[in-house]
Amino acid sequence: MRFVINGQPREFADLAASATLGDLVAALDLKGDRVAIEHNGSIVSRADWAGTAVHDGDKFEIVHFVGGGT
């Protein structure tokens, strides 16, 4: 499958046609508790990732939360 992630085209040959957003998060090796995801213009809650189907050509914006400071 081909997606646009944060404005960059990416290809995931190992994702099945029935893949979900949760599968994509796993393929990207992301820590689910540290990211927010917009899928085709809509924010998707973590609780919905496993039930949200992804399709070839979908667009994602993924934001990583970073801690730190003094």
PDB file of N, CA and C in Angstrom:
ATOM      1  N   MET A   1       0.838  -1.185   0.000  1.00  0.00           N
ATOM      2  CA  MET A   1       0.000   0.000   0.000  1.00  0.00           C
ATOM      3  C   MET A   1       0.876   1.239   0.000  1.00  0.00           C
ATOM      4  N   ARG A   2       0.365   2.275  -0.612  1.00  0.00           N
ATOM      5  CA  ARG A   2       1.059   3.563  -0.644  1.00  0.00           C
ATOM      6  C   ARG A   2       0.239   4.585   0.121  1.00  0.00           C
ATOM      7  N   PHE A   3       0.938   5.337   0.970  1.00  0.00           N
ATOM      8  CA  PHE A   3       0.310   6.389   1.752  1.00  0.00           C
ATOM      9  C   PHE A   3       1.142   7.651   1.639  1.00  0.00           C
ATOM     10  N   VAL A   4       0.555   8.762   2.046  1.00  0.00           N
ATOM     11  CA  VAL A   4       1.308  10.003   2.224  1.00  0.00           C
ATOM     12  C   VAL A   4       1.304  10.266   3.726  1.00  0.00           C
ATOM     13  N   ILE A   5       2.492  10.263   4.319  1.00  0.00           N
ATOM     14  CA  ILE A   5       2.634  10.461   5.757  1.00  0.00           C
ATOM     15  C   ILE A   5       3.435  11.725   5.985  1.00  0.00           C
ATOM     16  N   ASN A   6       2.804  12.687   6.648  1.00  0.00           N
ATOM     17  CA  ASN A   6       3.436  13.987   6.903  1.00  0.00           C
ATOM     18  C   ASN A   6       4.003  14.595   5.622  1.00  0.00           C
ATOM     19  N   GLY A   7       3.223  14.469   4.548  1.00  0.00           N
ATOM     20  CA  GLY A   7       3.588  15.078   3.279  1.00  0.00           C
ATOM     21  C   GLY A   7       4.556  14.277   2.424  1.00  0.00           C
ATOM     22  N   GLN A   8       5.008  13.117   2.910  1.00  0.00           N
ATOM     23  CA  GLN A   8       5.986  12.312   2.181  1.00  0.00           C
ATOM     24  C   GLN A   8       5.358  10.989   1.734  1.00  0.00           C
ATOM     25  N   PRO A   9       5.521  10.625   0.461  1.00  0.00           N
ATOM     26  CA  PRO A   9       4.993   9.340   0.011  1.00  0.00           C
ATOM     27  C   PRO A   9       5.771   8.185   0.650  1.00  0.00           C
ATOM     28  N   ARG A  10       5.043   7.164   1.098  1.00  0.00           N
ATOM     29  CA  ARG A  10       5.661   5.979   1.700  1.00  0.00           C
ATOM     30  C   ARG A  10       4.950   4.751   1.159  1.00  0.00           C
ATOM     31  N   GLU A  11       5.680   3.656   1.026  1.00  0.00           N
ATOM     32  CA  GLU A  11       5.095   2.407   0.552  1.00  0.00           C
ATOM     33  C   GLU A  11       5.295   1.319   1.598  1.00  0.00           C
ATOM     34  N   PHE A  12       4.251   0.521   1.808  1.00  0.00           N
ATOM     35  CA  PHE A  12       4.272  -0.553   2.785  1.00  0.00           C
ATOM     36  C   PHE A  12       3.813  -1.832   2.095  1.00  0.00           C
ATOM     37  N   ALA A  13       4.759  -2.555   1.534  1.00  0.00           N
ATOM     38  CA  ALA A  13       4.451  -3.765   0.775  1.00  0.00           C
ATOM     39  C   ALA A  13       3.896  -4.875   1.665  1.00  0.00           C
ATOM     40  N   ASP A  14       4.211  -4.858   2.952  1.00  0.00           N
ATOM     41  CA  ASP A  14       3.800  -5.936   3.849  1.00  0.00           C
ATOM     42  C   ASP A  14       2.408  -5.753   4.446  1.00  0.00           C
ATOM     43  N   LEU A  15       1.785  -4.606   4.255  1.00  0.00           N
ATOM     44  CA  LEU A  15       0.448  -4.398   4.813  1.00  0.00           C
ATOM     45  C   LEU A  15      -0.602  -5.062   3.923  1.00  0.00           C
ATOM     46  N   ALA A  16      -1.496  -5.804   4.558  1.00  0.00           N
ATOM     47  CA  ALA A  16      -2.563  -6.499   3.834  1.00  0.00           C
ATOM     48  C   ALA A  16      -3.633  -5.501   3.391  1.00  0.00           C
ATOM     49  N   ALA A  17      -4.436  -5.911   2.443  1.00  0.00           N
ATOM     50  CA  ALA A  17      -5.523  -5.050   1.957  1.00  0.00           C
ATOM     51  C   ALA A  17      -6.527  -4.753   3.061  1.00  0.00           C
ATOM     52  N   SER A  18      -6.582  -5.596   4.077  1.00  0.00           N
ATOM     53  CA  SER A  18      -7.506  -5.400   5.197  1.00  0.00           C
ATOM     54  C   SER A  18      -6.857  -4.675   6.372  1.00  0.00           C
ATOM     55  N   ALA A  19      -5.735  -4.002   6.141  1.00  0.00           N
ATOM     56  CA  ALA A  19      -4.972  -3.353   7.217  1.00  0.00           C
ATOM     57  C   ALA A  19      -5.782  -2.251   7.898  1.00  0.00           C
ATOM     58  N   THR A  20      -5.458  -2.050   9.169  1.00  0.00           N
ATOM     59  CA  THR A  20      -6.086  -0.999   9.959  1.00  0.00           C
ATOM     60  C   THR A  20      -5.043   0.041  10.340  1.00  0.00           C
ATOM     61  N   LEU A  21      -5.515   1.114  10.915  1.00  0.00           N
ATOM     62  CA  LEU A  21      -4.604   2.152  11.389  1.00  0.00           C
ATOM     63  C   LEU A  21      -3.668   1.583  12.456  1.00  0.00           C
ATOM     64  N   GLY A  22      -4.162   0.674  13.283  1.00  0.00           N
ATOM     65  CA  GLY A  22      -3.316   0.011  14.274  1.00  0.00           C
ATOM     66  C   GLY A  22      -2.185  -0.760  13.617  1.00  0.00           C
ATOM     67  N   ASP A  23      -2.463  -1.406  12.487  1.00  0.00           N
ATOM     68  CA  ASP A  23      -1.420  -2.127  11.745  1.00  0.00           C
ATOM     69  C   ASP A  23      -0.372  -1.164  11.211  1.00  0.00           C
ATOM     70  N   LEU A  24      -0.811  -0.009  10.735  1.00  0.00           N
ATOM     71  CA  LEU A  24       0.136   0.989  10.234  1.00  0.00           C
ATOM     72  C   LEU A  24       1.022   1.509  11.360  1.00  0.00           C
ATOM     73  N   VAL A  25       0.440   1.768  12.513  1.00  0.00           N
ATOM     74  CA  VAL A  25       1.223   2.229  13.662  1.00  0.00           C
ATOM     75  C   VAL A  25       2.286   1.191  14.005  1.00  0.00           C
ATOM     76  N   ALA A  26       1.917  -0.090  13.979  1.00  0.00           N
ATOM     77  CA  ALA A  26       2.877  -1.156  14.256  1.00  0.00           C
ATOM     78  C   ALA A  26       3.960  -1.210  13.177  1.00  0.00           C
ATOM     79  N   ALA A  27       3.570  -1.061  11.914  1.00  0.00           N
ATOM     80  CA  ALA A  27       4.538  -1.102  10.808  1.00  0.00           C
ATOM     81  C   ALA A  27       5.542   0.048  10.903  1.00  0.00           C
ATOM     82  N   LEU A  28       5.082   1.172  11.440  1.00  0.00           N
ATOM     83  CA  LEU A  28       5.965   2.331  11.611  1.00  0.00           C
ATOM     84  C   LEU A  28       6.782   2.237  12.901  1.00  0.00           C
ATOM     85  N   ASP A  29       6.506   1.203  13.707  1.00  0.00           N
ATOM     86  CA  ASP A  29       7.192   0.981  14.985  1.00  0.00           C
ATOM     87  C   ASP A  29       7.050   2.190  15.912  1.00  0.00           C
ATOM     88  N   LEU A  30       5.822   2.702  15.982  1.00  0.00           N
ATOM     89  CA  LEU A  30       5.539   3.856  16.835  1.00  0.00           C
ATOM     90  C   LEU A  30       4.981   3.404  18.173  1.00  0.00           C
ATOM     91  N   LYS A  31       5.263   4.164  19.212  1.00  0.00           N
ATOM     92  CA  LYS A  31       4.660   3.930  20.520  1.00  0.00           C
ATOM     93  C   LYS A  31       3.314   4.632  20.510  1.00  0.00           C
ATOM     94  N   GLY A  32       2.259   3.855  20.535  1.00  0.00           N
ATOM     95  CA  GLY A  32       0.908   4.377  20.389  1.00  0.00           C
ATOM     96  C   GLY A  32       0.504   5.420  21.401  1.00  0.00           C
ATOM     97  N   ASP A  33       1.105   5.381  22.584  1.00  0.00           N
ATOM     98  CA  ASP A  33       0.733   6.351  23.611  1.00  0.00           C
ATOM     99  C   ASP A  33       1.436   7.690  23.442  1.00  0.00           C
ATOM    100  N   ARG A  34       2.261   7.817  22.416  1.00  0.00           N
ATOM    101  CA  ARG A  34       3.032   9.051  22.221  1.00  0.00           C
ATOM    102  C   ARG A  34       2.787   9.724  20.885  1.00  0.00           C
ATOM    103  N   VAL A  35       1.714   9.327  20.195  1.00  0.00           N
ATOM    104  CA  VAL A  35       1.414   9.936  18.901  1.00  0.00           C
ATOM    105  C   VAL A  35      -0.063  10.283  18.792  1.00  0.00           C
ATOM    106  N   ALA A  36      -0.332  11.255  17.942  1.00  0.00           N
ATOM    107  CA  ALA A  36      -1.700  11.592  17.537  1.00  0.00           C
ATOM    108  C   ALA A  36      -1.726  11.470  16.022  1.00  0.00           C
ATOM    109  N   ILE A  37      -2.844  10.966  15.491  1.00  0.00           N
ATOM    110  CA  ILE A  37      -2.907  10.703  14.052  1.00  0.00           C
ATOM    111  C   ILE A  37      -4.152  11.330  13.435  1.00  0.00           C
ATOM    112  N   GLU A  38      -3.898  12.039  12.329  1.00  0.00           N
ATOM    113  CA  GLU A  38      -4.968  12.559  11.498  1.00  0.00           C
ATOM    114  C   GLU A  38      -4.999  11.684  10.247  1.00  0.00           C
ATOM    115  N   HIS A  39      -6.166  11.155   9.925  1.00  0.00           N
ATOM    116  CA  HIS A  39      -6.342  10.254   8.786  1.00  0.00           C
ATOM    117  C   HIS A  39      -7.301  10.912   7.801  1.00  0.00           C
ATOM    118  N   ASN A  40      -6.780  11.294   6.650  1.00  0.00           N
ATOM    119  CA  ASN A  40      -7.591  11.959   5.614  1.00  0.00           C
ATOM    120  C   ASN A  40      -8.353  13.159   6.178  1.00  0.00           C
ATOM    121  N   GLY A  41      -7.679  13.924   7.025  1.00  0.00           N
ATOM    122  CA  GLY A  41      -8.251  15.171   7.525  1.00  0.00           C
ATOM    123  C   GLY A  41      -9.021  15.068   8.824  1.00  0.00           C
ATOM    124  N   SER A  42      -9.160  13.855   9.384  1.00  0.00           N
ATOM    125  CA  SER A  42      -9.894  13.692  10.639  1.00  0.00           C
ATOM    126  C   SER A  42      -9.007  13.042  11.688  1.00  0.00           C
ATOM    127  N   ILE A  43      -9.041  13.595  12.907  1.00  0.00           N
ATOM    128  CA  ILE A  43      -8.303  13.007  14.017  1.00  0.00           C
ATOM    129  C   ILE A  43      -8.967  11.675  14.382  1.00  0.00           C
ATOM    130  N   VAL A  44      -8.157  10.642  14.600  1.00  0.00           N
ATOM    131  CA  VAL A  44      -8.676   9.328  14.986  1.00  0.00           C
ATOM    132  C   VAL A  44      -8.194   9.026  16.403  1.00  0.00           C
ATOM    133  N   SER A  45      -9.112   8.746  17.303  1.00  0.00           N
ATOM    134  CA  SER A  45      -8.728   8.436  18.678  1.00  0.00           C
ATOM    135  C   SER A  45      -8.039   7.071  18.728  1.00  0.00           C
ATOM    136  N   ARG A  46      -7.170   6.900  19.704  1.00  0.00           N
ATOM    137  CA  ARG A  46      -6.450   5.631  19.845  1.00  0.00           C
ATOM    138  C   ARG A  46      -7.418   4.448  19.953  1.00  0.00           C
ATOM    139  N   ALA A  47      -8.519   4.655  20.617  1.00  0.00           N
ATOM    140  CA  ALA A  47      -9.500   3.585  20.798  1.00  0.00           C
ATOM    141  C   ALA A  47     -10.064   3.090  19.466  1.00  0.00           C
ATOM    142  N   ASP A  48      -9.985   3.915  18.435  1.00  0.00           N
ATOM    143  CA  ASP A  48     -10.543   3.560  17.121  1.00  0.00           C
ATOM    144  C   ASP A  48      -9.504   3.044  16.122  1.00  0.00           C
ATOM    145  N   TRP A  49      -8.230   3.050  16.478  1.00  0.00           N
ATOM    146  CA  TRP A  49      -7.199   2.646  15.538  1.00  0.00           C
ATOM    147  C   TRP A  49      -7.403   1.228  15.008  1.00  0.00           C
ATOM    148  N   ALA A  50      -7.747   0.291  15.892  1.00  0.00           N
ATOM    149  CA  ALA A  50      -7.882  -1.108  15.475  1.00  0.00           C
ATOM    150  C   ALA A  50      -9.054  -1.317  14.527  1.00  0.00           C
ATOM    151  N   GLY A  51     -10.040  -0.442  14.567  1.00  0.00           N
ATOM    152  CA  GLY A  51     -11.206  -0.592  13.706  1.00  0.00           C
ATOM    153  C   GLY A  51     -11.239   0.350  12.522  1.00  0.00           C
ATOM    154  N   THR A  52     -10.181   1.144  12.335  1.00  0.00           N
ATOM    155  CA  THR A  52     -10.137   2.108  11.241  1.00  0.00           C
ATOM    156  C   THR A  52      -9.359   1.527  10.063  1.00  0.00           C
ATOM    157  N   ALA A  53     -10.065   1.200   8.994  1.00  0.00           N
ATOM    158  CA  ALA A  53      -9.421   0.643   7.800  1.00  0.00           C
ATOM    159  C   ALA A  53      -8.598   1.708   7.098  1.00  0.00           C
ATOM    160  N   VAL A  54      -7.465   1.281   6.552  1.00  0.00           N
ATOM    161  CA  VAL A  54      -6.638   2.183   5.741  1.00  0.00           C
ATOM    162  C   VAL A  54      -6.648   1.659   4.313  1.00  0.00           C
ATOM    163  N   HIS A  55      -6.519   2.582   3.372  1.00  0.00           N
ATOM    164  CA  HIS A  55      -6.589   2.229   1.956  1.00  0.00           C
ATOM    165  C   HIS A  55      -5.451   2.894   1.199  1.00  0.00           C
ATOM    166  N   ASP A  56      -5.098   2.284   0.099  1.00  0.00           N
ATOM    167  CA  ASP A  56      -4.062   2.830  -0.765  1.00  0.00           C
ATOM    168  C   ASP A  56      -4.389   4.284  -1.093  1.00  0.00           C
ATOM    169  N   GLY A  57      -3.411   5.174  -0.931  1.00  0.00           N
ATOM    170  CA  GLY A  57      -3.595   6.585  -1.247  1.00  0.00           C
ATOM    171  C   GLY A  57      -4.030   7.448  -0.076  1.00  0.00           C
ATOM    172  N   ASP A  58      -4.319   6.832   1.087  1.00  0.00           N
ATOM    173  CA  ASP A  58      -4.713   7.621   2.255  1.00  0.00           C
ATOM    174  C   ASP A  58      -3.601   8.568   2.683  1.00  0.00           C
ATOM    175  N   LYS A  59      -4.022   9.651   3.349  1.00  0.00           N
ATOM    176  CA  LYS A  59      -3.070  10.662   3.829  1.00  0.00           C
ATOM    177  C   LYS A  59      -3.135  10.731   5.351  1.00  0.00           C
ATOM    178  N   PHE A  60      -1.956  10.789   5.963  1.00  0.00           N
ATOM    179  CA  PHE A  60      -1.840  10.825   7.410  1.00  0.00           C
ATOM    180  C   PHE A  60      -0.922  11.954   7.848  1.00  0.00           C
ATOM    181  N   GLU A  61      -1.279  12.580   8.931  1.00  0.00           N
ATOM    182  CA  GLU A  61      -0.387  13.483   9.641  1.00  0.00           C
ATOM    183  C   GLU A  61      -0.181  12.845  11.004  1.00  0.00           C
ATOM    184  N   ILE A  62       1.054  12.593  11.359  1.00  0.00           N
ATOM    185  CA  ILE A  62       1.379  11.937  12.620  1.00  0.00           C
ATOM    186  C   ILE A  62       2.252  12.868  13.440  1.00  0.00           C
ATOM    187  N   VAL A  63       1.792  13.152  14.647  1.00  0.00           N
ATOM    188  CA  VAL A  63       2.504  14.050  15.559  1.00  0.00           C
ATOM    189  C   VAL A  63       3.021  13.225  16.732  1.00  0.00           C
ATOM    190  N   HIS A  64       4.321  13.364  17.010  1.00  0.00           N
ATOM    191  CA  HIS A  64       4.948  12.683  18.140  1.00  0.00           C
ATOM    192  C   HIS A  64       5.024  13.629  19.312  1.00  0.00           C
ATOM    193  N   PHE A  65       4.633  13.145  20.486  1.00  0.00           N
ATOM    194  CA  PHE A  65       4.762  13.948  21.700  1.00  0.00           C
ATOM    195  C   PHE A  65       6.155  13.718  22.277  1.00  0.00           C
ATOM    196  N   VAL A  66       6.797  14.812  22.646  1.00  0.00           N
ATOM    197  CA  VAL A  66       8.147  14.730  23.184  1.00  0.00           C
ATOM    198  C   VAL A  66       8.149  15.435  24.538  1.00  0.00           C
ATOM    199  N   GLY A  67       8.685  14.772  25.530  1.00  0.00           N
ATOM    200  CA  GLY A  67       8.799  15.368  26.866  1.00  0.00           C
ATOM    201  C   GLY A  67      10.191  15.927  27.076  1.00  0.00           C
ATOM    202  N   GLY A  68      10.313  16.674  28.125  1.00  0.00           N
ATOM    203  CA  GLY A  68      11.629  17.201  28.446  1.00  0.00           C
ATOM    204  C   GLY A  68      11.531  18.572  29.066  1.00  0.00           C
ATOM    205  N   GLY A  69      12.626  19.179  29.215  1.00  0.00           N
ATOM    206  CA  GLY A  69      12.659  20.509  29.801  1.00  0.00           C
ATOM    207  C   GLY A  69      13.216  20.477  31.209  1.00  0.00           C
ATOM    208  N   THR A  70      13.133  21.613  31.840  1.00  0.00           N
ATOM    209  CA  THR A  70      13.655  21.687  33.199  1.00  0.00           C
ATOM    210  C   THR A  70      12.588  22.054  34.198  1.00  0.00           C
TER     211      THR A  70
END
